[in-house]
Amino acid sequence: MSRRPGKEGVGVVGIGVAACAACCAGPILGFVAATGLFTVARVAAFGAAGLLVLAGVWWHRRHRRAAACAAADEPVPVEMGRRP
């Protein structure tokens, strides 16, 4: 069998491409996975921070309403009239 002229290096290039893909696929996939995991972690952290803010607002409003609605146990004098 005779080979075509100018095609002797194609087999070596093909082996090089396959070796590069086998060698570099792990780090590339690891980088892509880490980027995705960090994105998920940031979204979860942002959501948790939002829930903490909402819980703080709810707690503050609840305690402020409870303090404002407290009634006195004894009679309180009330004056009716114009303000000075």
Protein backbone atom coordinates (compact mmCIF):
# COMPACT_ATOMS: atom_id res chain seq x y z
CA MET A 1 0.00 0.00 0.00
CA SER A 2 1.18 3.43 -0.78
CA ARG A 3 0.32 6.50 1.21
CA ARG A 4 -0.75 9.77 -0.27
CA PRO A 5 1.93 12.41 -0.42
CA GLY A 6 1.62 15.07 2.30
CA LYS A 7 -0.56 12.95 4.62
CA GLU A 8 2.17 11.24 6.68
CA GLY A 9 1.81 13.61 9.66
CA VAL A 10 -1.99 13.37 9.95
CA GLY A 11 -1.84 10.20 12.07
CA VAL A 12 0.57 11.80 14.50
CA VAL A 13 -1.63 14.89 14.75
CA GLY A 14 -4.68 12.70 15.40
CA ILE A 15 -2.86 10.88 18.20
CA GLY A 16 -1.77 14.24 19.62
CA VAL A 17 -5.33 15.57 19.58
CA ALA A 18 -6.62 12.42 21.30
CA ALA A 19 -3.86 12.63 23.94
CA CYS A 20 -4.60 16.29 24.56
CA ALA A 21 -8.31 15.61 24.95
CA ALA A 22 -7.64 12.76 27.36
CA CYS A 23 -5.15 14.79 29.38
CA CYS A 24 -6.98 18.15 29.52
CA ALA A 25 -10.56 16.89 29.83
CA GLY A 26 -10.29 16.33 33.60
CA PRO A 27 -9.11 19.82 34.54
CA ILE A 28 -11.53 21.48 32.12
CA LEU A 29 -14.48 19.49 33.44
CA GLY A 30 -13.30 20.15 36.99
CA PHE A 31 -13.20 23.90 36.33
CA VAL A 32 -16.67 23.85 34.78
CA ALA A 33 -18.04 21.78 37.70
CA ALA A 34 -16.41 24.05 40.29
CA THR A 35 -17.83 27.12 38.58
CA GLY A 36 -21.28 25.56 38.66
CA LEU A 37 -20.95 24.51 42.29
CA PHE A 38 -19.76 27.96 43.31
CA THR A 39 -22.70 29.49 41.46
CA VAL A 40 -25.12 27.21 43.29
CA ALA A 41 -23.43 28.01 46.61
CA ARG A 42 -23.65 31.77 45.97
CA VAL A 43 -27.32 31.53 45.03
CA ALA A 44 -28.01 29.50 48.17
CA ALA A 45 -26.09 31.99 50.33
CA PHE A 46 -27.97 34.91 48.77
CA GLY A 47 -31.28 33.15 49.40
CA ALA A 48 -30.34 32.38 53.01
CA ALA A 49 -29.36 36.02 53.55
CA GLY A 50 -32.70 37.10 52.13
CA LEU A 51 -34.54 34.73 54.45
CA LEU A 52 -32.59 36.06 57.43
CA VAL A 53 -33.52 39.63 56.51
CA LEU A 54 -37.19 38.67 56.18
CA ALA A 55 -37.09 36.83 59.50
CA GLY A 56 -35.49 39.87 61.16
CA VAL A 57 -38.15 42.21 59.76
CA TRP A 58 -40.92 39.84 60.87
CA TRP A 59 -39.41 39.53 64.37
CA HIS A 60 -38.96 43.30 64.70
CA ARG A 61 -42.52 44.07 63.61
CA ARG A 62 -43.94 41.39 65.90
CA HIS A 63 -42.12 42.72 68.96
CA ARG A 64 -42.89 46.34 68.12
CA ARG A 65 -46.61 45.55 67.81
CA ALA A 66 -46.58 43.62 71.08
CA ALA A 67 -44.95 46.54 72.89
CA ALA A 68 -47.32 49.11 71.36
CA CYS A 69 -50.45 47.14 72.24
CA ALA A 70 -49.61 46.52 75.89
CA ALA A 71 -52.41 47.82 78.10
CA ALA A 72 -51.90 49.26 81.56
CA ASP A 73 -53.11 47.18 84.50
CA GLU A 74 -54.43 50.22 86.39
CA PRO A 75 -56.63 53.16 85.41
CA VAL A 76 -54.91 55.96 83.52
CA PRO A 77 -56.07 59.60 83.79
CA VAL A 78 -57.07 61.14 80.48
CA GLU A 79 -57.47 64.85 79.87
CA MET A 80 -59.70 66.17 77.13
CA GLY A 81 -59.01 69.62 75.80
CA ARG A 82 -57.04 71.72 73.42
CA ARG A 83 -53.34 71.39 73.00
CA PRO A 84 -51.28 74.29 74.29
